[in-house]
Amino acid sequence: MRVLVTGHQGYLGTVMVPLLQERGHTVVGLDSGLFADCVLGDAPANPVTLATDLRDVVAADLTGVDAVVHLAALSNDPLGTLAPEITHDINHHASVRLARAAKDAGVGRFLYASTCSVYGAAGQDAVTEDAVLRPLTPYAVSKVRVEDDVAAMADDSFAPVFLRNATAFGYSPRLRADIVVNDLTASAFLTGRIVVKSDGTPWRPLVHARDIAYAFAAALEAPVDRIRNRALNIGTEANNVTVRDIAETVADVTGAEVVVTGEYGADPRSYRVDFSAAREVLPAFVPEWSVRAGAEELVAAYARHGLTADALAQRFTRLARVTELQRTGAIDENLRRTRVGVGSA
């Protein structure tokens, strides 16, 4: 298939593109490049790229495309809280326009990167895709709205599927440090301490970036009637863990000290997830990565590529990166680039 991957220069896209290429797909990337140079290690090769803001995509950009893998978004809760209106403009409105453009261009499949954070404060029971959605942040709200609006477009010729990814972890050449496993492992690596500022009790479902890539590949290649207009939780029950569990696993791998301050109290975002539907619908997708294996991989990558505290705080933290691009005038107040080559929406 000819596959357009939006956000291909981001954390997940950088892992996903080579996997799709290895499986014989022709990949075209679409990215505004905000995070293209947030690299730890060797710079990854890019496919043919449309250096376009997601908000500017039109149907003509999608001519000849068989499927869209839509990853591009403002991707974390602090950044969404800083700019909620822009978050909804990019994550919600631009995503829906992309889906309409794809349908108008005759694209048959639309794979959307949603999130398990749509479940919000779900309590102790493992939630299925039919659970009531309780999004607690602008980021999660935007994902729910896209699912609703794009689902309404589905028909015999247009098959969207909504992959609700658990919280990602693991090494990518375009690293993100502001996700829990990557962050705690970096702290352990750099300081020998892991500081948990909540009470450590919230549940988090986790999934490795490479397992997410395999899930998308499986959805791309599955019989279309199996995935049409489905929401699927992506991850494994074995990685439903508490924040304290994560800290203790990272400590066991690194020898770091765990300090639970509890200063932020109990995080209301707490949910465990049932992943059985994906096992039924996508039998080719079998998650392989445990939290421990991911922490071991990250420590090795941090050491091999010389992660520093400054790079952790600035280059690999989304909010700090966007703030710096605004400070230097590389992007404007609407997060649009003001000059070419500043680096992924």
Protein backbone atom coordinates (compact mmCIF):
# COMPACT_ATOMS: atom_id res chain seq x y z
CA MET A 1 0.00 0.00 0.00
CA ARG A 2 0.92 3.63 -0.39
CA VAL A 3 0.62 4.98 3.15
CA LEU A 4 0.67 8.58 4.32
CA VAL A 5 2.02 8.83 7.88
CA THR A 6 1.34 12.16 9.59
CA GLY A 7 3.76 13.09 12.37
CA HIS A 8 6.39 10.80 10.89
CA GLN A 9 9.15 12.92 12.47
CA GLY A 10 7.75 12.44 15.96
CA TYR A 11 8.43 9.89 18.69
CA LEU A 12 6.09 7.18 17.37
CA GLY A 13 6.39 8.00 13.68
CA THR A 14 10.15 7.56 13.72
CA VAL A 15 9.67 3.97 14.91
CA MET A 16 6.66 3.23 12.71
CA VAL A 17 7.95 4.35 9.30
CA PRO A 18 10.82 1.86 8.98
CA LEU A 19 8.57 -0.97 10.18
CA LEU A 20 5.97 -0.21 7.50
CA GLN A 21 8.70 0.04 4.90
CA GLU A 22 10.14 -3.32 5.97
CA ARG A 23 6.68 -4.83 5.44
CA GLY A 24 6.65 -3.63 1.83
CA HIS A 25 4.55 -0.46 2.13
CA THR A 26 5.48 2.76 0.35
CA VAL A 27 5.51 5.51 2.96
CA VAL A 28 5.03 9.23 2.44
CA GLY A 29 5.50 11.43 5.49
CA LEU A 30 3.67 14.61 6.43
CA ASP A 31 5.12 16.75 9.18
CA SER A 32 5.74 20.40 10.01
CA GLY A 33 9.03 19.41 11.61
CA LEU A 34 8.76 20.91 15.10
CA PHE A 35 10.49 17.91 16.66
CA ALA A 36 12.50 16.65 13.68
CA ASP A 37 15.84 17.48 15.28
CA CYS A 38 14.96 16.13 18.75
CA VAL A 39 17.28 13.21 18.10
CA LEU A 40 19.15 10.99 20.55
CA GLY A 41 21.62 8.91 18.56
CA ASP A 42 21.89 8.67 14.78
CA ALA A 43 19.53 10.85 12.79
CA PRO A 44 16.87 8.62 11.18
CA ALA A 45 16.31 8.56 7.43
CA ASN A 46 13.15 10.27 6.24
CA PRO A 47 10.78 9.00 3.57
CA VAL A 48 9.49 11.32 0.87
CA THR A 49 8.06 14.15 2.96
CA LEU A 50 5.34 16.78 2.69
CA ALA A 51 6.60 19.57 4.94
CA THR A 52 3.08 20.78 5.62
CA ASP A 53 1.22 21.92 8.70
CA LEU A 54 -1.60 19.50 9.45
CA ARG A 55 -4.02 22.41 9.39
CA ASP A 56 -3.22 23.07 5.72
CA VAL A 57 -3.74 19.60 4.21
CA VAL A 58 -6.09 19.34 1.23
CA ALA A 59 -7.43 16.38 -0.74
CA ALA A 60 -4.90 16.91 -3.53
CA ASP A 61 -2.11 16.08 -1.06
CA LEU A 62 -3.62 12.61 -0.70
CA THR A 63 -3.89 11.66 -4.36
CA GLY A 64 -2.82 8.06 -4.88
CA VAL A 65 -2.75 7.26 -1.15
CA ASP A 66 -4.34 3.96 -0.06
CA ALA A 67 -4.27 4.54 3.70
CA VAL A 68 -3.57 7.31 6.20
CA VAL A 69 -1.83 6.62 9.51
CA HIS A 70 -2.63 9.73 11.53
CA LEU A 71 -0.19 10.24 14.41
CA ALA A 72 0.36 14.00 14.34
CA ALA A 73 -0.90 15.89 17.41
CA LEU A 74 0.09 18.18 20.23
CA SER A 75 0.99 15.31 22.47
CA ASN A 76 0.92 15.73 26.17
CA ASP A 77 -1.24 17.12 28.92
CA PRO A 78 0.95 20.07 30.05
CA LEU A 79 1.22 21.34 26.47
CA GLY A 80 -2.53 20.89 25.96
CA THR A 81 -3.26 22.82 29.12
CA LEU A 82 -0.92 25.64 28.06
CA ALA A 83 -2.73 26.09 24.74
CA PRO A 84 -6.14 24.36 24.90
CA GLU A 85 -7.62 26.27 21.95
CA ILE A 86 -4.66 25.41 19.72
CA THR A 87 -4.78 21.83 20.96
CA HIS A 88 -8.38 21.54 19.78
CA ASP A 89 -7.58 23.33 16.49
CA ILE A 90 -4.78 20.90 15.67
CA ASN A 91 -5.79 17.70 17.41
CA HIS A 92 -9.54 17.91 16.75
CA HIS A 93 -10.46 20.23 13.88
CA ALA A 94 -7.42 19.58 11.69
CA SER A 95 -7.71 15.83 12.23
CA VAL A 96 -11.35 15.84 11.13
CA ARG A 97 -10.47 17.95 8.08
CA LEU A 98 -7.72 15.45 7.25
CA ALA A 99 -10.21 12.58 7.42
CA ARG A 100 -12.63 14.44 5.14
CA ALA A 101 -9.81 15.19 2.68
CA ALA A 102 -8.78 11.54 2.75
CA LYS A 103 -12.32 10.39 2.04
CA ASP A 104 -12.67 12.95 -0.77
CA ALA A 105 -9.39 11.70 -2.28
CA GLY A 106 -10.59 8.09 -2.29
CA VAL A 107 -8.38 6.87 0.56
CA GLY A 108 -9.81 3.56 1.81
CA ARG A 109 -8.38 3.31 5.33
CA PHE A 110 -7.86 5.89 8.04
CA LEU A 111 -5.90 4.71 11.11
CA TYR A 112 -6.21 7.17 13.96
CA ALA A 113 -3.87 7.31 16.95
CA SER A 114 -6.26 7.80 19.85
CA THR A 115 -5.42 7.17 23.51
CA CYS A 116 -6.51 5.18 26.55
CA SER A 117 -6.53 8.48 28.45
CA VAL A 118 -10.06 8.97 27.08
CA TYR A 119 -11.13 6.76 30.01
CA GLY A 120 -9.89 9.28 32.58
CA ALA A 121 -10.88 8.39 36.13
CA ALA A 122 -12.17 4.89 35.51
CA GLY A 123 -11.63 3.28 38.91
CA GLN A 124 -10.27 -0.21 39.55
CA ASP A 125 -12.07 -2.28 36.90
CA ALA A 126 -10.31 -2.86 33.57
CA VAL A 127 -12.23 -0.86 30.98
CA THR A 128 -13.24 -2.08 27.54
CA GLU A 129 -13.89 0.01 24.46
CA ASP A 130 -17.57 0.26 25.44
CA ALA A 131 -16.83 2.01 28.73
CA VAL A 132 -18.08 5.51 29.44
CA LEU A 133 -15.42 7.99 28.34
CA ARG A 134 -14.29 10.48 30.98
CA PRO A 135 -11.53 12.59 29.41
CA LEU A 136 -9.93 14.92 31.96
CA THR A 137 -7.57 17.04 29.82
CA PRO A 138 -7.82 19.05 26.58
CA TYR A 139 -5.63 16.41 24.90
CA ALA A 140 -7.97 13.55 25.84
CA VAL A 141 -11.10 15.59 25.04
CA SER A 142 -9.76 16.33 21.56
CA LYS A 143 -9.25 12.61 20.94
CA VAL A 144 -12.84 11.78 21.91
CA ARG A 145 -14.18 14.45 19.58
CA VAL A 146 -12.15 13.16 16.63
CA GLU A 147 -13.40 9.62 17.21
CA ASP A 148 -17.01 10.84 17.22
CA ASP A 149 -16.70 13.03 14.13
CA VAL A 150 -14.67 10.62 12.01
CA ALA A 151 -16.84 7.63 12.93
CA ALA A 152 -19.76 9.48 11.33
CA MET A 153 -17.88 9.45 8.00
CA ALA A 154 -17.51 5.68 7.79
CA ASP A 155 -19.14 3.89 4.86
CA ASP A 156 -18.40 1.06 2.45
CA SER A 157 -15.55 2.99 0.82
CA PHE A 158 -14.02 4.66 3.90
CA ALA A 159 -12.91 2.60 6.89
CA PRO A 160 -11.61 4.48 9.93
CA VAL A 161 -10.21 2.59 12.92
CA PHE A 162 -9.40 4.21 16.26
CA LEU A 163 -6.39 2.73 18.02
CA ARG A 164 -6.54 3.79 21.66
CA ASN A 165 -2.90 3.46 22.61
CA ALA A 166 -1.86 2.92 26.19
CA THR A 167 0.82 5.32 27.45
CA ALA A 168 3.88 4.79 25.27
CA PHE A 169 7.37 4.04 26.49
CA GLY A 170 10.70 2.91 25.10
CA TYR A 171 13.52 4.20 22.96
CA SER A 172 12.96 6.04 19.70
CA PRO A 173 15.69 7.94 17.86
CA ARG A 174 13.39 10.96 18.23
CA LEU A 175 13.02 10.62 21.95
CA ARG A 176 10.28 11.88 24.23
CA ALA A 177 11.24 12.19 27.87
CA ASP A 178 7.92 13.57 29.17
CA ILE A 179 6.20 10.19 29.36
CA VAL A 180 6.35 8.28 32.59
CA VAL A 181 8.69 5.33 31.97
CA ASN A 182 11.11 7.34 29.85
CA ASP A 183 11.09 10.16 32.39
CA LEU A 184 11.63 8.04 35.49
CA THR A 185 14.34 6.01 33.76
CA ALA A 186 16.13 9.18 32.69
CA SER A 187 15.98 10.54 36.24
CA ALA A 188 17.39 7.30 37.60
CA PHE A 189 20.14 7.29 34.97
CA LEU A 190 21.17 10.91 35.49
CA THR A 191 20.69 11.38 39.24
CA GLY A 192 20.39 7.97 40.88
CA ARG A 193 17.00 9.02 42.30
CA ILE A 194 13.41 8.53 41.19
CA VAL A 195 11.06 11.12 42.64
CA VAL A 196 7.33 10.34 42.51
CA LYS A 197 5.34 13.46 43.34
CA SER A 198 1.91 11.81 43.37
CA ASP A 199 1.06 9.22 45.98
CA GLY A 200 2.08 6.51 43.51
CA THR A 201 -1.30 4.77 43.48
CA PRO A 202 -2.76 5.79 40.05
CA TRP A 203 -3.01 2.99 37.51
CA ARG A 204 -1.44 3.43 34.08
CA PRO A 205 -1.66 1.11 31.07
CA LEU A 206 1.64 1.09 29.18
CA VAL A 207 2.77 -0.06 25.72
CA HIS A 208 6.13 0.09 23.99
CA ALA A 209 6.49 2.38 20.96
CA ARG A 210 7.50 -0.58 18.81
CA ASP A 211 4.43 -2.57 19.88
CA ILE A 212 2.28 0.41 18.86
CA ALA A 213 3.94 0.32 15.44
CA TYR A 214 3.16 -3.40 15.10
CA ALA A 215 -0.47 -2.75 16.07
CA PHE A 216 -0.84 -0.14 13.34
CA ALA A 217 0.77 -2.47 10.81
CA ALA A 218 -1.66 -5.22 11.81
CA ALA A 219 -4.64 -2.86 11.44
CA LEU A 220 -3.34 -1.67 8.09
CA GLU A 221 -3.11 -5.23 6.80
CA ALA A 222 -6.23 -6.72 8.43
CA PRO A 223 -9.35 -7.46 6.35
CA VAL A 224 -11.06 -4.10 6.10
CA ASP A 225 -14.42 -5.33 7.38
CA ARG A 226 -12.77 -6.43 10.64
CA ILE A 227 -11.51 -2.97 11.49
CA ARG A 228 -14.06 -0.62 9.91
CA ASN A 229 -15.24 1.95 12.47
CA ARG A 230 -13.81 0.01 15.43
CA ALA A 231 -12.15 1.43 18.53
CA LEU A 232 -9.41 -0.86 19.83
CA ASN A 233 -7.37 -0.59 23.02
CA ILE A 234 -3.70 -1.15 22.18
CA GLY A 235 -1.48 -2.70 24.84
CA THR A 236 -1.37 -5.69 27.17
CA GLU A 237 -2.90 -6.34 30.60
CA ALA A 238 0.54 -7.28 31.92
CA ASN A 239 1.50 -3.61 31.60
CA ASN A 240 -1.42 -2.27 33.67
CA VAL A 241 0.70 -0.98 36.55
CA THR A 242 0.69 1.74 39.20
CA VAL A 243 3.09 4.66 39.11
CA ARG A 244 4.82 3.22 42.18
CA ASP A 245 5.18 -0.12 40.35
CA ILE A 246 6.88 1.69 37.47
CA ALA A 247 9.26 3.50 39.82
CA GLU A 248 10.19 0.30 41.61
CA THR A 249 10.78 -1.56 38.34
CA VAL A 250 13.05 1.22 37.09
CA ALA A 251 14.84 1.25 40.44
CA ASP A 252 15.40 -2.50 40.22
CA VAL A 253 16.93 -2.08 36.76
CA THR A 254 19.11 0.92 37.64
CA GLY A 255 19.80 0.67 41.37
CA ALA A 256 18.31 4.12 41.89
CA GLU A 257 16.58 5.26 45.08
CA VAL A 258 12.78 5.73 45.00
CA VAL A 259 11.38 8.77 46.82
CA VAL A 260 7.58 9.11 46.98
CA THR A 261 6.83 12.66 48.16
CA GLY A 262 3.06 12.60 47.62
CA GLU A 263 3.12 16.39 47.32
CA TYR A 264 0.70 16.37 44.39
CA GLY A 265 -1.69 13.97 46.14
CA ALA A 266 -3.69 11.35 44.25
CA ASP A 267 -3.73 11.86 40.48
CA PRO A 268 -7.37 11.62 39.29
CA ARG A 269 -6.19 10.03 36.03
CA SER A 270 -6.27 6.38 37.03
CA TYR A 271 -7.44 3.53 34.82
CA ARG A 272 -6.74 -0.10 33.97
CA VAL A 273 -7.54 -1.33 30.49
CA ASP A 274 -8.84 -4.54 28.89
CA PHE A 275 -7.07 -5.30 25.59
CA SER A 276 -8.96 -8.43 24.58
CA ALA A 277 -10.76 -6.85 21.61
CA ALA A 278 -7.47 -6.11 19.84
CA ARG A 279 -6.38 -9.73 20.35
CA GLU A 280 -9.58 -10.85 18.64
CA VAL A 281 -9.66 -8.30 15.81
CA LEU A 282 -5.88 -8.14 15.19
CA PRO A 283 -4.58 -11.66 15.90
CA ALA A 284 -1.28 -10.78 14.17
CA PHE A 285 -0.57 -8.21 16.88
CA VAL A 286 1.18 -9.71 19.91
CA PRO A 287 2.75 -7.14 22.29
CA GLU A 288 6.28 -8.15 23.24
CA TRP A 289 7.69 -5.47 25.54
CA SER A 290 7.48 -5.42 29.33
CA VAL A 291 8.13 -2.31 31.40
CA ARG A 292 11.35 -3.89 32.69
CA ALA A 293 12.62 -4.63 29.18
CA GLY A 294 11.78 -1.08 28.13
CA ALA A 295 13.66 0.39 31.10
CA GLU A 296 16.68 -1.78 30.29
CA GLU A 297 16.54 -0.64 26.66
CA LEU A 298 16.31 3.01 27.69
CA VAL A 299 19.24 2.82 30.11
CA ALA A 300 21.39 1.28 27.39
CA ALA A 301 20.33 3.96 24.87
CA TYR A 302 20.86 6.82 27.35
CA ALA A 303 24.37 5.54 28.08
CA ARG A 304 25.24 4.76 24.46
CA HIS A 305 24.17 8.15 23.16
CA GLY A 306 25.21 10.29 26.13
CA LEU A 307 21.92 11.68 27.42
CA THR A 308 22.46 14.89 29.41
CA ALA A 309 20.26 16.68 31.93
CA ASP A 310 20.00 19.71 29.66
CA ALA A 311 18.87 17.65 26.67
CA LEU A 312 16.37 15.84 28.87
CA ALA A 313 14.84 19.07 30.12
CA GLN A 314 14.84 20.98 26.85
CA ARG A 315 15.18 18.97 23.64
CA PHE A 316 13.19 15.91 24.72
CA THR A 317 10.39 17.61 26.70
CA ARG A 318 7.55 18.78 24.45
CA LEU A 319 6.46 21.82 26.44
CA ALA A 320 10.01 23.13 26.84
CA ARG A 321 10.76 22.52 23.16
CA VAL A 322 7.68 24.43 21.96
CA THR A 323 8.37 27.26 24.42
CA GLU A 324 11.92 27.58 23.09
CA LEU A 325 10.75 27.62 19.46
CA GLN A 326 8.36 30.44 20.34
CA ARG A 327 11.04 32.35 22.24
CA THR A 328 13.40 32.26 19.26
CA GLY A 329 10.66 33.19 16.79
CA ALA A 330 10.84 29.88 14.94
CA ILE A 331 7.09 29.43 15.46
CA ASP A 332 4.36 31.95 16.12
CA GLU A 333 1.68 32.14 18.81
CA ASN A 334 -0.45 29.64 16.84
CA LEU A 335 2.45 27.16 16.71
CA ARG A 336 2.93 27.74 12.99
CA ARG A 337 6.44 27.80 11.63
CA THR A 338 7.77 31.22 10.68
CA ARG A 339 10.71 29.82 8.75
CA VAL A 340 11.61 26.55 7.05
CA GLY A 341 13.68 23.91 8.82
CA VAL A 342 12.89 24.48 12.47
CA GLY A 343 12.37 20.94 13.06
CA SER A 344 6.75 17.64 13.91
CA ALA A 345 3.37 18.71 14.80
